[in-house]
């Protein structure tokens, strides 16, 4: 007899943080996205480069007892018999 186990992780609206950083110098705008274009190969080709800085992380809080808790997350496990 076999059992199939499946896990679903549901993230609520406050379970994920999206952060943006600066790429480039503040004097040039310093946004989280920038594009650069220049001619290369004796000005026969135009080269493009893109810089992009951001990241995602799941939000966690440390409780007063020292335990780290997830925020806005629910895990649902399902086990189904093969018969």
PDB file of N, CA and C in Angstrom:
ATOM      1  N   UNK A   1       0.848  -1.180   0.000  1.00  0.00           N
ATOM      2  CA  UNK A   1       0.000   0.000   0.000  1.00  0.00           C
ATOM      3  C   UNK A   1       0.896   1.247   0.000  1.00  0.00           C
ATOM      4  N   UNK A   2       0.615   2.173  -0.888  1.00  0.00           N
ATOM      5  CA  UNK A   2       1.400   3.407  -0.965  1.00  0.00           C
ATOM      6  C   UNK A   2       0.523   4.604  -0.628  1.00  0.00           C
ATOM      7  N   UNK A   3       1.168   5.633  -0.179  1.00  0.00           N
ATOM      8  CA  UNK A   3       0.469   6.871   0.163  1.00  0.00           C
ATOM      9  C   UNK A   3       1.159   8.032  -0.535  1.00  0.00           C
ATOM     10  N   UNK A   4       0.373   8.852  -1.190  1.00  0.00           N
ATOM     11  CA  UNK A   4       0.891  10.057  -1.830  1.00  0.00           C
ATOM     12  C   UNK A   4       0.687  11.233  -0.888  1.00  0.00           C
ATOM     13  N   UNK A   5       1.747  11.976  -0.653  1.00  0.00           N
ATOM     14  CA  UNK A   5       1.677  13.132   0.244  1.00  0.00           C
ATOM     15  C   UNK A   5       2.005  14.385  -0.560  1.00  0.00           C
ATOM     16  N   UNK A   6       1.186  15.400  -0.382  1.00  0.00           N
ATOM     17  CA  UNK A   6       1.384  16.659  -1.103  1.00  0.00           C
ATOM     18  C   UNK A   6       1.316  17.804  -0.101  1.00  0.00           C
ATOM     19  N   UNK A   7       2.138  18.832  -0.317  1.00  0.00           N
ATOM     20  CA  UNK A   7       2.164  19.986   0.582  1.00  0.00           C
ATOM     21  C   UNK A   7       1.908  21.252  -0.220  1.00  0.00           C
ATOM     22  N   UNK A   8       1.014  22.083   0.290  1.00  0.00           N
ATOM     23  CA  UNK A   8       0.734  23.391  -0.316  1.00  0.00           C
ATOM     24  C   UNK A   8       1.080  24.456   0.717  1.00  0.00           C
ATOM     25  N   UNK A   9       1.771  25.484   0.283  1.00  0.00           N
ATOM     26  CA  UNK A   9       2.112  26.607   1.156  1.00  0.00           C
ATOM     27  C   UNK A   9       1.394  27.842   0.621  1.00  0.00           C
ATOM     28  N   UNK A  10       0.506  28.394   1.414  1.00  0.00           N
ATOM     29  CA  UNK A  10      -0.268  29.562   1.013  1.00  0.00           C
ATOM     30  C   UNK A  10       0.299  30.793   1.698  1.00  0.00           C
ATOM     31  N   UNK A  11       0.644  31.800   0.906  1.00  0.00           N
ATOM     32  CA  UNK A  11       1.200  33.042   1.450  1.00  0.00           C
ATOM     33  C   UNK A  11       0.134  34.126   1.413  1.00  0.00           C
ATOM     34  N   UNK A  12      -0.109  34.744   2.551  1.00  0.00           N
ATOM     35  CA  UNK A  12      -1.043  35.858   2.619  1.00  0.00           C
ATOM     36  C   UNK A  12      -0.415  37.135   2.071  1.00  0.00           C
ATOM     37  N   UNK A  13      -1.201  38.179   2.006  1.00  0.00           N
ATOM     38  CA  UNK A  13      -0.751  39.440   1.425  1.00  0.00           C
ATOM     39  C   UNK A  13       0.405  40.099   2.159  1.00  0.00           C
ATOM     40  N   UNK A  14       0.585  39.787   3.449  1.00  0.00           N
ATOM     41  CA  UNK A  14       1.666  40.397   4.228  1.00  0.00           C
ATOM     42  C   UNK A  14       2.792  39.424   4.524  1.00  0.00           C
ATOM     43  N   UNK A  15       2.850  38.300   3.810  1.00  0.00           N
ATOM     44  CA  UNK A  15       3.859  37.287   4.091  1.00  0.00           C
ATOM     45  C   UNK A  15       5.133  37.491   3.289  1.00  0.00           C
ATOM     46  N   UNK A  16       5.102  38.364   2.307  1.00  0.00           N
ATOM     47  CA  UNK A  16       6.245  38.538   1.418  1.00  0.00           C
ATOM     48  C   UNK A  16       6.622  40.012   1.341  1.00  0.00           C
ATOM     49  N   UNK A  17       7.905  40.288   1.466  1.00  0.00           N
ATOM     50  CA  UNK A  17       8.407  41.664   1.347  1.00  0.00           C
ATOM     51  C   UNK A  17       9.182  41.788   0.046  1.00  0.00           C
ATOM     52  N   UNK A  18       8.983  42.868  -0.652  1.00  0.00           N
ATOM     53  CA  UNK A  18       9.694  43.152  -1.895  1.00  0.00           C
ATOM     54  C   UNK A  18      10.495  44.431  -1.675  1.00  0.00           C
ATOM     55  N   UNK A  19      11.808  44.336  -1.788  1.00  0.00           N
ATOM     56  CA  UNK A  19      12.675  45.489  -1.507  1.00  0.00           C
ATOM     57  C   UNK A  19      13.441  45.888  -2.763  1.00  0.00           C
ATOM     58  N   UNK A  20      13.645  47.169  -2.916  1.00  0.00           N
ATOM     59  CA  UNK A  20      14.405  47.702  -4.035  1.00  0.00           C
ATOM     60  C   UNK A  20      15.622  48.449  -3.507  1.00  0.00           C
ATOM     61  N   UNK A  21      16.748  48.281  -4.171  1.00  0.00           N
ATOM     62  CA  UNK A  21      17.961  48.997  -3.805  1.00  0.00           C
ATOM     63  C   UNK A  21      18.372  49.907  -4.938  1.00  0.00           C
ATOM     64  N   UNK A  22      19.445  50.618  -4.732  1.00  0.00           N
ATOM     65  CA  UNK A  22      19.947  51.529  -5.762  1.00  0.00           C
ATOM     66  C   UNK A  22      21.031  50.862  -6.579  1.00  0.00           C
ATOM     67  N   UNK A  23      20.939  51.039  -7.872  1.00  0.00           N
ATOM     68  CA  UNK A  23      22.032  50.626  -8.749  1.00  0.00           C
ATOM     69  C   UNK A  23      22.538  51.896  -9.411  1.00  0.00           C
ATOM     70  N   UNK A  24      23.767  52.189  -9.228  1.00  0.00           N
ATOM     71  CA  UNK A  24      24.316  53.427  -9.770  1.00  0.00           C
ATOM     72  C   UNK A  24      24.476  54.479  -8.693  1.00  0.00           C
ATOM     73  N   UNK A  25      24.987  55.596  -9.094  1.00  0.00           N
ATOM     74  CA  UNK A  25      25.283  56.671  -8.152  1.00  0.00           C
ATOM     75  C   UNK A  25      24.075  57.571  -7.961  1.00  0.00           C
ATOM     76  N   UNK A  26      23.949  58.111  -6.768  1.00  0.00           N
ATOM     77  CA  UNK A  26      22.828  58.981  -6.445  1.00  0.00           C
ATOM     78  C   UNK A  26      22.793  60.208  -7.355  1.00  0.00           C
ATOM     79  N   UNK A  27      23.950  60.722  -7.724  1.00  0.00           N
ATOM     80  CA  UNK A  27      24.017  61.907  -8.586  1.00  0.00           C
ATOM     81  C   UNK A  27      23.434  61.638  -9.973  1.00  0.00           C
ATOM     82  N   UNK A  28      23.440  60.371 -10.406  1.00  0.00           N
ATOM     83  CA  UNK A  28      22.895  60.010 -11.720  1.00  0.00           C
ATOM     84  C   UNK A  28      21.470  59.483 -11.620  1.00  0.00           C
ATOM     85  N   UNK A  29      20.826  59.676 -10.490  1.00  0.00           N
ATOM     86  CA  UNK A  29      19.453  59.214 -10.311  1.00  0.00           C
ATOM     87  C   UNK A  29      19.365  58.077  -9.320  1.00  0.00           C
ATOM     88  N   UNK A  30      20.274  57.110  -9.406  1.00  0.00           N
ATOM     89  CA  UNK A  30      20.353  56.012  -8.451  1.00  0.00           C
ATOM     90  C   UNK A  30      19.066  55.231  -8.270  1.00  0.00           C
ATOM     91  N   UNK A  31      18.374  54.916  -9.347  1.00  0.00           N
ATOM     92  CA  UNK A  31      17.128  54.165  -9.250  1.00  0.00           C
ATOM     93  C   UNK A  31      17.417  52.669  -9.168  1.00  0.00           C
ATOM     94  N   UNK A  32      16.372  51.849  -8.922  1.00  0.00           N
ATOM     95  CA  UNK A  32      16.559  50.407  -8.818  1.00  0.00           C
ATOM     96  C   UNK A  32      16.697  49.753 -10.201  1.00  0.00           C
ATOM     97  N   UNK A  33      16.490  50.505 -11.248  1.00  0.00           N
ATOM     98  CA  UNK A  33      16.633  49.995 -12.603  1.00  0.00           C
ATOM     99  C   UNK A  33      17.315  51.070 -13.458  1.00  0.00           C
ATOM    100  N   UNK A  34      18.300  50.663 -14.250  1.00  0.00           N
ATOM    101  CA  UNK A  34      18.918  51.608 -15.180  1.00  0.00           C
ATOM    102  C   UNK A  34      19.413  50.858 -16.413  1.00  0.00           C
ATOM    103  N   UNK A  35      19.541  51.595 -17.498  1.00  0.00           N
ATOM    104  CA  UNK A  35      19.991  51.010 -18.756  1.00  0.00           C
ATOM    105  C   UNK A  35      21.105  51.884 -19.324  1.00  0.00           C
ATOM    106  N   UNK A  36      22.083  51.230 -19.920  1.00  0.00           N
ATOM    107  CA  UNK A  36      23.216  51.936 -20.500  1.00  0.00           C
ATOM    108  C   UNK A  36      23.370  51.472 -21.950  1.00  0.00           C
ATOM    109  N   UNK A  37      23.677  52.413 -22.832  1.00  0.00           N
ATOM    110  CA  UNK A  37      23.858  52.108 -24.253  1.00  0.00           C
ATOM    111  C   UNK A  37      25.149  52.764 -24.736  1.00  0.00           C
ATOM    112  N   UNK A  38      25.963  52.009 -25.465  1.00  0.00           N
ATOM    113  CA  UNK A  38      27.185  52.592 -26.031  1.00  0.00           C
ATOM    114  C   UNK A  38      27.567  51.858 -27.314  1.00  0.00           C
ATOM    115  N   UNK A  39      28.272  52.564 -28.180  1.00  0.00           N
ATOM    116  CA  UNK A  39      28.736  51.969 -29.431  1.00  0.00           C
ATOM    117  C   UNK A  39      30.075  51.265 -29.187  1.00  0.00           C
ATOM    118  N   UNK A  40      30.225  50.059 -29.779  1.00  0.00           N
ATOM    119  CA  UNK A  40      31.449  49.284 -29.660  1.00  0.00           C
ATOM    120  C   UNK A  40      31.871  48.802 -31.049  1.00  0.00           C
ATOM    121  N   UNK A  41      32.966  48.068 -31.115  1.00  0.00           N
ATOM    122  CA  UNK A  41      33.467  47.501 -32.369  1.00  0.00           C
ATOM    123  C   UNK A  41      33.625  48.601 -33.430  1.00  0.00           C
ATOM    124  N   UNK A  42      34.416  49.611 -33.083  1.00  0.00           N
ATOM    125  CA  UNK A  42      34.678  50.736 -33.987  1.00  0.00           C
ATOM    126  C   UNK A  42      33.385  51.415 -34.444  1.00  0.00           C
ATOM    127  N   UNK A  43      32.436  51.523 -33.488  1.00  0.00           N
ATOM    128  CA  UNK A  43      31.131  52.156 -33.687  1.00  0.00           C
ATOM    129  C   UNK A  43      30.266  51.455 -34.739  1.00  0.00           C
ATOM    130  N   UNK A  44      30.454  50.147 -34.904  1.00  0.00           N
ATOM    131  CA  UNK A  44      29.618  49.367 -35.816  1.00  0.00           C
ATOM    132  C   UNK A  44      28.454  48.675 -35.103  1.00  0.00           C
ATOM    133  N   UNK A  45      28.546  48.552 -33.804  1.00  0.00           N
ATOM    134  CA  UNK A  45      27.533  47.828 -33.028  1.00  0.00           C
ATOM    135  C   UNK A  45      27.144  48.664 -31.820  1.00  0.00           C
ATOM    136  N   UNK A  46      25.835  48.642 -31.489  1.00  0.00           N
ATOM    137  CA  UNK A  46      25.367  49.298 -30.269  1.00  0.00           C
ATOM    138  C   UNK A  46      25.178  48.220 -29.205  1.00  0.00           C
ATOM    139  N   UNK A  47      25.803  48.417 -28.059  1.00  0.00           N
ATOM    140  CA  UNK A  47      25.724  47.463 -26.950  1.00  0.00           C
ATOM    141  C   UNK A  47      24.842  48.038 -25.854  1.00  0.00           C
ATOM    142  N   UNK A  48      23.950  47.200 -25.306  1.00  0.00           N
ATOM    143  CA  UNK A  48      23.053  47.615 -24.233  1.00  0.00           C
ATOM    144  C   UNK A  48      23.381  46.809 -22.980  1.00  0.00           C
ATOM    145  N   UNK A  49      23.351  47.456 -21.848  1.00  0.00           N
ATOM    146  CA  UNK A  49      23.490  46.743 -20.570  1.00  0.00           C
ATOM    147  C   UNK A  49      22.434  47.284 -19.604  1.00  0.00           C
ATOM    148  N   UNK A  50      21.948  46.400 -18.750  1.00  0.00           N
ATOM    149  CA  UNK A  50      20.884  46.740 -17.800  1.00  0.00           C
ATOM    150  C   UNK A  50      21.357  46.379 -16.392  1.00  0.00           C
ATOM    151  N   UNK A  51      21.097  47.257 -15.444  1.00  0.00           N
ATOM    152  CA  UNK A  51      21.334  46.927 -14.039  1.00  0.00           C
ATOM    153  C   UNK A  51      20.000  47.038 -13.303  1.00  0.00           C
ATOM    154  N   UNK A  52      19.753  46.051 -12.469  1.00  0.00           N
ATOM    155  CA  UNK A  52      18.465  45.978 -11.784  1.00  0.00           C
ATOM    156  C   UNK A  52      18.712  45.414 -10.397  1.00  0.00           C
ATOM    157  N   UNK A  53      18.196  46.068  -9.384  1.00  0.00           N
ATOM    158  CA  UNK A  53      18.437  45.614  -8.023  1.00  0.00           C
ATOM    159  C   UNK A  53      17.121  45.545  -7.266  1.00  0.00           C
ATOM    160  N   UNK A  54      16.742  44.329  -6.879  1.00  0.00           N
ATOM    161  CA  UNK A  54      15.605  44.137  -5.984  1.00  0.00           C
ATOM    162  C   UNK A  54      15.705  42.758  -5.365  1.00  0.00           C
ATOM    163  N   UNK A  55      14.870  42.472  -4.428  1.00  0.00           N
ATOM    164  CA  UNK A  55      14.879  41.166  -3.788  1.00  0.00           C
ATOM    165  C   UNK A  55      13.572  40.906  -3.067  1.00  0.00           C
ATOM    166  N   UNK A  56      13.315  39.646  -2.818  1.00  0.00           N
ATOM    167  CA  UNK A  56      12.102  39.251  -2.119  1.00  0.00           C
ATOM    168  C   UNK A  56      12.488  38.401  -0.908  1.00  0.00           C
ATOM    169  N   UNK A  57      11.748  38.522   0.161  1.00  0.00           N
ATOM    170  CA  UNK A  57      12.001  37.731   1.369  1.00  0.00           C
ATOM    171  C   UNK A  57      10.688  37.487   2.093  1.00  0.00           C
ATOM    172  N   UNK A  58      10.594  36.353   2.714  1.00  0.00           N
ATOM    173  CA  UNK A  58       9.433  36.034   3.520  1.00  0.00           C
ATOM    174  C   UNK A  58       9.594  36.704   4.891  1.00  0.00           C
ATOM    175  N   UNK A  59       8.530  37.292   5.379  1.00  0.00           N
ATOM    176  CA  UNK A  59       8.591  38.034   6.635  1.00  0.00           C
ATOM    177  C   UNK A  59       8.511  37.064   7.812  1.00  0.00           C
ATOM    178  N   UNK A  60       9.429  37.234   8.768  1.00  0.00           N
ATOM    179  CA  UNK A  60       9.464  36.419   9.984  1.00  0.00           C
ATOM    180  C   UNK A  60       9.697  37.337  11.170  1.00  0.00           C
ATOM    181  N   UNK A  61       9.102  36.977  12.313  1.00  0.00           N
ATOM    182  CA  UNK A  61       9.257  37.754  13.535  1.00  0.00           C
ATOM    183  C   UNK A  61       9.759  36.870  14.657  1.00  0.00           C
ATOM    184  N   UNK A  62      10.617  37.414  15.493  1.00  0.00           N
ATOM    185  CA  UNK A  62      11.110  36.691  16.661  1.00  0.00           C
ATOM    186  C   UNK A  62      10.197  37.004  17.838  1.00  0.00           C
ATOM    187  N   UNK A  63       9.626  35.957  18.440  1.00  0.00           N
ATOM    188  CA  UNK A  63       8.731  36.126  19.582  1.00  0.00           C
ATOM    189  C   UNK A  63       9.494  36.431  20.854  1.00  0.00           C
ATOM    190  N   UNK A  64       8.767  36.729  21.919  1.00  0.00           N
ATOM    191  CA  UNK A  64       9.402  37.044  23.201  1.00  0.00           C
ATOM    192  C   UNK A  64      10.102  35.835  23.803  1.00  0.00           C
ATOM    193  N   UNK A  65       9.696  34.623  23.373  1.00  0.00           N
ATOM    194  CA  UNK A  65      10.345  33.409  23.872  1.00  0.00           C
ATOM    195  C   UNK A  65      11.557  33.009  23.026  1.00  0.00           C
ATOM    196  N   UNK A  66      11.891  33.817  22.017  1.00  0.00           N
ATOM    197  CA  UNK A  66      13.044  33.550  21.165  1.00  0.00           C
ATOM    198  C   UNK A  66      12.735  32.732  19.923  1.00  0.00           C
ATOM    199  N   UNK A  67      11.524  32.189  19.845  1.00  0.00           N
ATOM    200  CA  UNK A  67      11.130  31.386  18.684  1.00  0.00           C
ATOM    201  C   UNK A  67      10.843  32.294  17.487  1.00  0.00           C
ATOM    202  N   UNK A  68      11.318  31.895  16.307  1.00  0.00           N
ATOM    203  CA  UNK A  68      11.068  32.673  15.092  1.00  0.00           C
ATOM    204  C   UNK A  68       9.785  32.162  14.446  1.00  0.00           C
ATOM    205  N   UNK A  69       8.837  33.068  14.208  1.00  0.00           N
ATOM    206  CA  UNK A  69       7.524  32.724  13.669  1.00  0.00           C
ATOM    207  C   UNK A  69       7.335  33.311  12.282  1.00  0.00           C
ATOM    208  N   UNK A  70       6.683  32.549  11.435  1.00  0.00           N
ATOM    209  CA  UNK A  70       6.294  33.061  10.119  1.00  0.00           C
ATOM    210  C   UNK A  70       5.067  33.940  10.280  1.00  0.00           C
ATOM    211  N   UNK A  71       4.875  34.856   9.353  1.00  0.00           N
ATOM    212  CA  UNK A  71       3.735  35.763   9.395  1.00  0.00           C
ATOM    213  C   UNK A  71       2.944  35.617   8.102  1.00  0.00           C
ATOM    214  N   UNK A  72       1.653  35.348   8.200  1.00  0.00           N
ATOM    215  CA  UNK A  72       0.796  35.285   7.026  1.00  0.00           C
ATOM    216  C   UNK A  72       0.975  34.036   6.182  1.00  0.00           C
ATOM    217  N   UNK A  73       1.362  32.910   6.806  1.00  0.00           N
ATOM    218  CA  UNK A  73       1.631  31.680   6.062  1.00  0.00           C
ATOM    219  C   UNK A  73       0.796  30.543   6.626  1.00  0.00           C
ATOM    220  N   UNK A  74       0.253  29.722   5.717  1.00  0.00           N
ATOM    221  CA  UNK A  74      -0.465  28.526   6.129  1.00  0.00           C
ATOM    222  C   UNK A  74       0.040  27.351   5.297  1.00  0.00           C
ATOM    223  N   UNK A  75       0.296  26.225   5.953  1.00  0.00           N
ATOM    224  CA  UNK A  75       0.751  25.015   5.263  1.00  0.00           C
ATOM    225  C   UNK A  75      -0.368  23.988   5.335  1.00  0.00           C
ATOM    226  N   UNK A  76      -0.674  23.382   4.182  1.00  0.00           N
ATOM    227  CA  UNK A  76      -1.743  22.383   4.110  1.00  0.00           C
ATOM    228  C   UNK A  76      -1.156  21.101   3.547  1.00  0.00           C
ATOM    229  N   UNK A  77      -1.111  20.047   4.351  1.00  0.00           N
ATOM    230  CA  UNK A  77      -0.608  18.735   3.912  1.00  0.00           C
ATOM    231  C   UNK A  77      -1.791  17.817   3.608  1.00  0.00           C
ATOM    232  N   UNK A  78      -1.668  17.061   2.524  1.00  0.00           N
ATOM    233  CA  UNK A  78      -2.699  16.110   2.117  1.00  0.00           C
ATOM    234  C   UNK A  78      -2.050  14.760   1.914  1.00  0.00           C
ATOM    235  N   UNK A  79      -2.645  13.695   2.486  1.00  0.00           N
ATOM    236  CA  UNK A  79      -2.172  12.329   2.306  1.00  0.00           C
ATOM    237  C   UNK A  79      -3.315  11.512   1.703  1.00  0.00           C
ATOM    238  N   UNK A  80      -3.030  10.829   0.566  1.00  0.00           N
ATOM    239  CA  UNK A  80      -4.041  10.046  -0.132  1.00  0.00           C
ATOM    240  C   UNK A  80      -3.535   8.627  -0.294  1.00  0.00           C
ATOM    241  N   UNK A  81      -4.348   7.673   0.109  1.00  0.00           N
ATOM    242  CA  UNK A  81      -3.991   6.264  -0.017  1.00  0.00           C
ATOM    243  C   UNK A  81      -4.039   5.847  -1.477  1.00  0.00           C
ATOM    244  N   UNK A  82      -3.135   4.923  -1.863  1.00  0.00           N
ATOM    245  CA  UNK A  82      -3.068   4.445  -3.246  1.00  0.00           C
ATOM    246  C   UNK A  82      -4.140   3.440  -3.598  1.00  0.00           C
ATOM    247  N   UNK A  83      -4.964   3.002  -2.661  1.00  0.00           N
ATOM    248  CA  UNK A  83      -6.013   1.995  -2.941  1.00  0.00           C
ATOM    249  C   UNK A  83      -7.275   2.600  -3.458  1.00  0.00           C
TER     250      UNK A  83
END
